[in-house]
Amino acid sequence: MTDRAWDAGEPDIIWHETGAEEHDHGGGATVLGFWIYLMSDALIFASLFAMYGVVSTAYAGGPGPRQLFDLPLVALNTALLLASSITFGQAIPHMEAGRVGPTRAWLAVTGLLGAAFVGVELYEFSHLIAEGAGPQRSAFLSAFFTLVGTHGAHVTVGLIWIATMLAQLRLHGLTREMQRRVVCLSMFWHFLDIIWIGVFTFVYLHGVIR
């Protein structure tokens, strides 16, 4: 925008209002950077899936998936995580409409479902270890605990992030910065759902039926 030209012999002085542009650019860079992070995380999980695929039949004379996996329990856990994805989706329209209370409420429900998922997973791990099927028992179990445990650790980080967002939303409301953070958290949470579908299908279902 040209605010003032001094005279015909002087070049025009151009004044730019860059605050909003830089703010928007920063927001786009944040989301792009988070996409790059998710892609790098996807490579980590791809490596873990590949490792599991290589050693998934290396039982070392120990129990295999059919003897160890409790499919009804795993199905329940899958339902909990998928339900948490739905509840997170319910928070987004409220966020876009600027309604802080409903946004926080749906995030809280998402966190509770995620915490239940982690609790069931910890129960499964403790049960397997109590039966002598810990990660040191065989290459199959080492890969299983590494893959599923890495996903569980990510969900735990997501729960800490949700708790942080609940506190920040209460303090700051739904500013543009806060909305960007919720969007990044949503991307992270849905990414974990996708990874878990792969775990449930490739590790649990395929392990039991093959």
C-alpha atoms as a PDB file:
ATOM      1  CA  MET A   1       0.000   0.000   0.000  1.00  0.00           C
ATOM      2  CA  THR A   2       1.424   3.453  -0.972  1.00  0.00           C
ATOM      3  CA  ASP A   3       0.747   5.888   1.807  1.00  0.00           C
ATOM      4  CA  ARG A   4       2.570   8.939   0.467  1.00  0.00           C
ATOM      5  CA  ALA A   5       4.683  10.124  -2.459  1.00  0.00           C
ATOM      6  CA  TRP A   6       6.877  13.088  -1.594  1.00  0.00           C
ATOM      7  CA  ASP A   7       7.224  14.666  -5.037  1.00  0.00           C
ATOM      8  CA  ALA A   8       7.716  13.819  -8.666  1.00  0.00           C
ATOM      9  CA  GLY A   9      11.461  13.717  -8.284  1.00  0.00           C
ATOM     10  CA  GLU A  10      11.530  11.402  -5.318  1.00  0.00           C
ATOM     11  CA  PRO A  11      10.710   7.676  -5.460  1.00  0.00           C
ATOM     12  CA  ASP A  12       7.540   6.613  -3.778  1.00  0.00           C
ATOM     13  CA  ILE A  13       7.945   5.367  -0.220  1.00  0.00           C
ATOM     14  CA  ILE A  14       6.096   2.107   0.135  1.00  0.00           C
ATOM     15  CA  TRP A  15       4.738   1.125   3.529  1.00  0.00           C
ATOM     16  CA  HIS A  16       3.949  -2.555   3.973  1.00  0.00           C
ATOM     17  CA  GLU A  17       1.708  -3.947   6.686  1.00  0.00           C
ATOM     18  CA  THR A  18       3.546  -7.175   7.325  1.00  0.00           C
ATOM     19  CA  GLY A  19       2.304  -8.179  10.758  1.00  0.00           C
ATOM     20  CA  ALA A  20      -0.677 -10.229   9.593  1.00  0.00           C
ATOM     21  CA  GLU A  21       1.276 -11.679   6.653  1.00  0.00           C
ATOM     22  CA  GLU A  22       4.104 -12.812   8.894  1.00  0.00           C
ATOM     23  CA  HIS A  23       1.585 -14.240  11.351  1.00  0.00           C
ATOM     24  CA  ASP A  24      -0.136 -16.238   8.612  1.00  0.00           C
ATOM     25  CA  HIS A  25       3.178 -17.375   7.194  1.00  0.00           C
ATOM     26  CA  GLY A  26       4.298 -18.520  10.624  1.00  0.00           C
ATOM     27  CA  GLY A  27       1.099 -20.527  11.033  1.00  0.00           C
ATOM     28  CA  GLY A  28       1.583 -22.229   7.678  1.00  0.00           C
ATOM     29  CA  ALA A  29       5.195 -23.009   8.546  1.00  0.00           C
ATOM     30  CA  THR A  30       4.091 -24.558  11.837  1.00  0.00           C
ATOM     31  CA  VAL A  31       1.636 -26.917  10.152  1.00  0.00           C
ATOM     32  CA  LEU A  32       4.113 -27.765   7.388  1.00  0.00           C
ATOM     33  CA  GLY A  33       6.812 -28.484   9.952  1.00  0.00           C
ATOM     34  CA  PHE A  34       4.437 -30.738  11.846  1.00  0.00           C
ATOM     35  CA  TRP A  35       3.598 -32.642   8.655  1.00  0.00           C
ATOM     36  CA  ILE A  36       7.327 -33.218   8.159  1.00  0.00           C
ATOM     37  CA  TYR A  37       7.572 -34.513  11.722  1.00  0.00           C
ATOM     38  CA  LEU A  38       4.679 -36.916  11.130  1.00  0.00           C
ATOM     39  CA  MET A  39       6.351 -38.227   7.980  1.00  0.00           C
ATOM     40  CA  SER A  40       9.570 -38.875   9.908  1.00  0.00           C
ATOM     41  CA  ASP A  41       7.553 -40.624  12.616  1.00  0.00           C
ATOM     42  CA  ALA A  42       5.859 -42.718   9.943  1.00  0.00           C
ATOM     43  CA  LEU A  43       9.305 -43.865   8.788  1.00  0.00           C
ATOM     44  CA  ILE A  44      10.118 -44.952  12.338  1.00  0.00           C
ATOM     45  CA  PHE A  45       6.960 -47.027  12.541  1.00  0.00           C
ATOM     46  CA  ALA A  46       7.577 -48.439   9.056  1.00  0.00           C
ATOM     47  CA  SER A  47      10.978 -49.656  10.281  1.00  0.00           C
ATOM     48  CA  LEU A  48       9.389 -51.234  13.355  1.00  0.00           C
ATOM     49  CA  PHE A  49       6.740 -52.958  11.236  1.00  0.00           C
ATOM     50  CA  ALA A  50       9.481 -54.266   8.924  1.00  0.00           C
ATOM     51  CA  MET A  51      11.486 -55.545  11.898  1.00  0.00           C
ATOM     52  CA  TYR A  52       8.427 -57.283  13.304  1.00  0.00           C
ATOM     53  CA  GLY A  53       7.662 -58.844   9.919  1.00  0.00           C
ATOM     54  CA  VAL A  54      11.145 -60.329   9.724  1.00  0.00           C
ATOM     55  CA  VAL A  55      11.156 -61.918  13.210  1.00  0.00           C
ATOM     56  CA  SER A  56       7.420 -62.487  13.748  1.00  0.00           C
ATOM     57  CA  THR A  57       7.887 -66.270  13.537  1.00  0.00           C
ATOM     58  CA  ALA A  58      11.102 -66.432  15.588  1.00  0.00           C
ATOM     59  CA  TYR A  59       9.514 -67.917  18.713  1.00  0.00           C
ATOM     60  CA  ALA A  60      12.690 -69.590  20.046  1.00  0.00           C
ATOM     61  CA  GLY A  61      10.580 -72.499  21.241  1.00  0.00           C
ATOM     62  CA  GLY A  62       8.289 -70.174  23.156  1.00  0.00           C
ATOM     63  CA  PRO A  63       4.612 -69.236  22.729  1.00  0.00           C
ATOM     64  CA  GLY A  64       3.285 -67.618  19.581  1.00  0.00           C
ATOM     65  CA  PRO A  65       0.464 -65.143  18.881  1.00  0.00           C
ATOM     66  CA  ARG A  66      -2.301 -67.754  19.125  1.00  0.00           C
ATOM     67  CA  GLN A  67      -1.254 -68.663  22.645  1.00  0.00           C
ATOM     68  CA  LEU A  68      -0.648 -65.100  23.824  1.00  0.00           C
ATOM     69  CA  PHE A  69      -3.021 -62.628  22.219  1.00  0.00           C
ATOM     70  CA  ASP A  70      -6.453 -61.963  23.728  1.00  0.00           C
ATOM     71  CA  LEU A  71      -8.341 -60.682  20.697  1.00  0.00           C
ATOM     72  CA  PRO A  72     -11.493 -59.556  22.562  1.00  0.00           C
ATOM     73  CA  LEU A  73      -9.332 -57.422  24.855  1.00  0.00           C
ATOM     74  CA  VAL A  74      -7.402 -55.992  21.922  1.00  0.00           C
ATOM     75  CA  ALA A  75     -10.665 -55.319  20.068  1.00  0.00           C
ATOM     76  CA  LEU A  76     -11.931 -53.408  23.104  1.00  0.00           C
ATOM     77  CA  ASN A  77      -8.744 -51.371  23.169  1.00  0.00           C
ATOM     78  CA  THR A  78      -9.066 -50.665  19.458  1.00  0.00           C
ATOM     79  CA  ALA A  79     -12.630 -49.464  19.980  1.00  0.00           C
ATOM     80  CA  LEU A  80     -11.432 -47.115  22.741  1.00  0.00           C
ATOM     81  CA  LEU A  81      -8.802 -45.505  20.530  1.00  0.00           C
ATOM     82  CA  LEU A  82     -11.097 -45.207  17.502  1.00  0.00           C
ATOM     83  CA  ALA A  83     -13.790 -43.677  19.713  1.00  0.00           C
ATOM     84  CA  SER A  84     -11.241 -41.131  20.932  1.00  0.00           C
ATOM     85  CA  SER A  85     -10.645 -40.145  17.314  1.00  0.00           C
ATOM     86  CA  ILE A  86     -14.376 -39.527  16.899  1.00  0.00           C
ATOM     87  CA  THR A  87     -14.574 -37.414  20.039  1.00  0.00           C
ATOM     88  CA  PHE A  88     -11.589 -35.365  18.899  1.00  0.00           C
ATOM     89  CA  GLY A  89     -13.399 -34.791  15.630  1.00  0.00           C
ATOM     90  CA  GLN A  90     -16.337 -33.433  17.626  1.00  0.00           C
ATOM     91  CA  ALA A  91     -14.057 -30.817  19.200  1.00  0.00           C
ATOM     92  CA  ILE A  92     -12.949 -29.283  15.894  1.00  0.00           C
ATOM     93  CA  PRO A  93     -16.284 -27.628  14.845  1.00  0.00           C
ATOM     94  CA  HIS A  94     -16.602 -26.104  18.309  1.00  0.00           C
ATOM     95  CA  MET A  95     -13.043 -24.814  18.058  1.00  0.00           C
ATOM     96  CA  GLU A  96     -13.738 -23.253  14.653  1.00  0.00           C
ATOM     97  CA  ALA A  97     -16.853 -21.590  16.081  1.00  0.00           C
ATOM     98  CA  GLY A  98     -14.846 -20.171  18.976  1.00  0.00           C
ATOM     99  CA  ARG A  99     -16.615 -22.150  21.703  1.00  0.00           C
ATOM    100  CA  VAL A 100     -13.975 -22.822  24.350  1.00  0.00           C
ATOM    101  CA  GLY A 101     -16.108 -24.846  26.784  1.00  0.00           C
ATOM    102  CA  PRO A 102     -17.319 -27.540  24.362  1.00  0.00           C
ATOM    103  CA  THR A 103     -13.855 -27.732  22.803  1.00  0.00           C
ATOM    104  CA  ARG A 104     -12.292 -28.432  26.189  1.00  0.00           C
ATOM    105  CA  ALA A 105     -15.052 -30.897  27.067  1.00  0.00           C
ATOM    106  CA  TRP A 106     -14.527 -33.004  23.944  1.00  0.00           C
ATOM    107  CA  LEU A 107     -10.752 -32.884  24.401  1.00  0.00           C
ATOM    108  CA  ALA A 108     -11.223 -34.109  27.968  1.00  0.00           C
ATOM    109  CA  VAL A 109     -13.360 -37.033  26.776  1.00  0.00           C
ATOM    110  CA  THR A 110     -10.685 -37.822  24.187  1.00  0.00           C
ATOM    111  CA  GLY A 111      -8.058 -37.833  26.915  1.00  0.00           C
ATOM    112  CA  LEU A 112     -10.100 -40.180  29.097  1.00  0.00           C
ATOM    113  CA  LEU A 113     -10.531 -42.648  26.241  1.00  0.00           C
ATOM    114  CA  GLY A 114      -6.826 -42.427  25.443  1.00  0.00           C
ATOM    115  CA  ALA A 115      -5.930 -43.020  29.082  1.00  0.00           C
ATOM    116  CA  ALA A 116      -8.188 -46.098  29.120  1.00  0.00           C
ATOM    117  CA  PHE A 117      -6.387 -47.352  26.001  1.00  0.00           C
ATOM    118  CA  VAL A 118      -2.991 -46.994  27.669  1.00  0.00           C
ATOM    119  CA  GLY A 119      -4.321 -48.669  30.811  1.00  0.00           C
ATOM    120  CA  VAL A 120      -5.535 -51.718  28.881  1.00  0.00           C
ATOM    121  CA  GLU A 121      -2.224 -51.908  27.037  1.00  0.00           C
ATOM    122  CA  LEU A 122      -0.269 -51.816  30.295  1.00  0.00           C
ATOM    123  CA  TYR A 123      -2.509 -54.578  31.640  1.00  0.00           C
ATOM    124  CA  GLU A 124      -1.786 -56.675  28.554  1.00  0.00           C
ATOM    125  CA  PHE A 125       1.964 -56.143  28.915  1.00  0.00           C
ATOM    126  CA  SER A 126       1.965 -56.998  32.618  1.00  0.00           C
ATOM    127  CA  HIS A 127      -0.117 -60.128  31.959  1.00  0.00           C
ATOM    128  CA  LEU A 128       2.285 -61.326  29.254  1.00  0.00           C
ATOM    129  CA  ILE A 129       5.333 -60.694  31.446  1.00  0.00           C
ATOM    130  CA  ALA A 130       3.681 -62.528  34.357  1.00  0.00           C
ATOM    131  CA  GLU A 131       3.239 -65.542  32.077  1.00  0.00           C
ATOM    132  CA  GLY A 132       6.926 -65.517  31.200  1.00  0.00           C
ATOM    133  CA  ALA A 133       6.358 -63.960  27.781  1.00  0.00           C
ATOM    134  CA  GLY A 134       8.437 -60.841  28.302  1.00  0.00           C
ATOM    135  CA  PRO A 135      10.469 -59.099  25.583  1.00  0.00           C
ATOM    136  CA  GLN A 136      13.576 -61.153  26.413  1.00  0.00           C
ATOM    137  CA  ARG A 137      11.798 -64.478  25.717  1.00  0.00           C
ATOM    138  CA  SER A 138      12.158 -64.433  21.919  1.00  0.00           C
ATOM    139  CA  ALA A 139      12.843 -62.187  18.946  1.00  0.00           C
ATOM    140  CA  PHE A 140       9.108 -62.231  18.184  1.00  0.00           C
ATOM    141  CA  LEU A 141       8.245 -60.882  21.625  1.00  0.00           C
ATOM    142  CA  SER A 142      11.084 -58.343  21.544  1.00  0.00           C
ATOM    143  CA  ALA A 143       9.729 -56.936  18.282  1.00  0.00           C
ATOM    144  CA  PHE A 144       6.154 -57.057  19.584  1.00  0.00           C
ATOM    145  CA  PHE A 145       6.933 -55.131  22.766  1.00  0.00           C
ATOM    146  CA  THR A 146       9.031 -52.607  20.822  1.00  0.00           C
ATOM    147  CA  LEU A 147       6.379 -51.888  18.189  1.00  0.00           C
ATOM    148  CA  VAL A 148       3.331 -51.828  20.457  1.00  0.00           C
ATOM    149  CA  GLY A 149       5.241 -50.102  23.250  1.00  0.00           C
ATOM    150  CA  THR A 150       6.463 -47.350  20.920  1.00  0.00           C
ATOM    151  CA  HIS A 151       2.893 -46.682  19.855  1.00  0.00           C
ATOM    152  CA  GLY A 152       1.771 -46.661  23.489  1.00  0.00           C
ATOM    153  CA  ALA A 153       4.527 -44.177  24.337  1.00  0.00           C
ATOM    154  CA  HIS A 154       3.256 -41.894  21.561  1.00  0.00           C
ATOM    155  CA  VAL A 155      -0.273 -42.103  22.932  1.00  0.00           C
ATOM    156  CA  THR A 156       1.079 -41.194  26.374  1.00  0.00           C
ATOM    157  CA  VAL A 157       2.778 -38.136  24.885  1.00  0.00           C
ATOM    158  CA  GLY A 158      -0.527 -37.270  23.232  1.00  0.00           C
ATOM    159  CA  LEU A 159      -2.267 -37.468  26.616  1.00  0.00           C
ATOM    160  CA  ILE A 160       0.264 -35.073  28.136  1.00  0.00           C
ATOM    161  CA  TRP A 161      -0.294 -32.766  25.163  1.00  0.00           C
ATOM    162  CA  ILE A 162      -4.075 -32.915  25.648  1.00  0.00           C
ATOM    163  CA  ALA A 163      -3.715 -32.054  29.348  1.00  0.00           C
ATOM    164  CA  THR A 164      -1.463 -29.126  28.424  1.00  0.00           C
ATOM    165  CA  MET A 165      -3.945 -27.895  25.825  1.00  0.00           C
ATOM    166  CA  LEU A 166      -6.823 -28.075  28.314  1.00  0.00           C
ATOM    167  CA  ALA A 167      -4.886 -25.832  30.701  1.00  0.00           C
ATOM    168  CA  GLN A 168      -3.805 -23.420  27.959  1.00  0.00           C
ATOM    169  CA  LEU A 169      -7.302 -23.146  26.500  1.00  0.00           C
ATOM    170  CA  ARG A 170      -8.612 -22.239  29.918  1.00  0.00           C
ATOM    171  CA  LEU A 171      -5.976 -19.527  30.295  1.00  0.00           C
ATOM    172  CA  HIS A 172      -5.778 -18.100  26.775  1.00  0.00           C
ATOM    173  CA  GLY A 173      -8.982 -19.090  25.000  1.00  0.00           C
ATOM    174  CA  LEU A 174      -9.189 -19.936  21.314  1.00  0.00           C
ATOM    175  CA  THR A 175      -6.633 -17.554  19.845  1.00  0.00           C
ATOM    176  CA  ARG A 176      -5.216 -18.282  16.387  1.00  0.00           C
ATOM    177  CA  GLU A 177      -2.117 -19.733  17.982  1.00  0.00           C
ATOM    178  CA  MET A 178      -4.185 -22.008  20.197  1.00  0.00           C
ATOM    179  CA  GLN A 179      -6.275 -23.157  17.247  1.00  0.00           C
ATOM    180  CA  ARG A 180      -3.108 -24.070  15.363  1.00  0.00           C
ATOM    181  CA  ARG A 181      -1.941 -26.108  18.329  1.00  0.00           C
ATOM    182  CA  VAL A 182      -5.251 -27.960  18.489  1.00  0.00           C
ATOM    183  CA  VAL A 183      -5.037 -28.687  14.745  1.00  0.00           C
ATOM    184  CA  CYS A 184      -1.494 -30.080  15.141  1.00  0.00           C
ATOM    185  CA  LEU A 185      -2.639 -32.190  18.089  1.00  0.00           C
ATOM    186  CA  SER A 186      -5.555 -33.469  16.006  1.00  0.00           C
ATOM    187  CA  MET A 187      -3.169 -34.483  13.216  1.00  0.00           C
ATOM    188  CA  PHE A 188      -0.962 -36.310  15.735  1.00  0.00           C
ATOM    189  CA  TRP A 189      -3.882 -38.126  17.363  1.00  0.00           C
ATOM    190  CA  HIS A 190      -5.423 -39.286  14.084  1.00  0.00           C
ATOM    191  CA  PHE A 191      -1.971 -40.414  12.933  1.00  0.00           C
ATOM    192  CA  LEU A 192      -1.753 -42.661  16.003  1.00  0.00           C
ATOM    193  CA  ASP A 193      -5.172 -44.116  15.168  1.00  0.00           C
ATOM    194  CA  ILE A 194      -3.963 -45.012  11.682  1.00  0.00           C
ATOM    195  CA  ILE A 195      -0.821 -46.638  13.060  1.00  0.00           C
ATOM    196  CA  TRP A 196      -2.884 -48.642  15.545  1.00  0.00           C
ATOM    197  CA  ILE A 197      -5.141 -49.974  12.796  1.00  0.00           C
ATOM    198  CA  GLY A 198      -1.962 -51.311  11.185  1.00  0.00           C
ATOM    199  CA  VAL A 199      -0.831 -52.824  14.490  1.00  0.00           C
ATOM    200  CA  PHE A 200      -4.205 -54.449  15.137  1.00  0.00           C
ATOM    201  CA  THR A 201      -4.386 -55.891  11.617  1.00  0.00           C
ATOM    202  CA  PHE A 202      -0.775 -56.885  11.013  1.00  0.00           C
ATOM    203  CA  VAL A 203       0.277 -57.934  14.505  1.00  0.00           C
ATOM    204  CA  TYR A 204      -2.827 -59.217  16.265  1.00  0.00           C
ATOM    205  CA  LEU A 205      -5.268 -60.418  13.590  1.00  0.00           C
ATOM    206  CA  HIS A 206      -2.692 -61.749  11.182  1.00  0.00           C
ATOM    207  CA  GLY A 207      -0.752 -63.343  14.040  1.00  0.00           C
ATOM    208  CA  VAL A 208      -3.782 -65.255  15.309  1.00  0.00           C
ATOM    209  CA  ILE A 209      -5.245 -66.435  12.007  1.00  0.00           C
ATOM    210  CA  ARG A 210      -2.087 -67.446  10.122  1.00  0.00           C
END
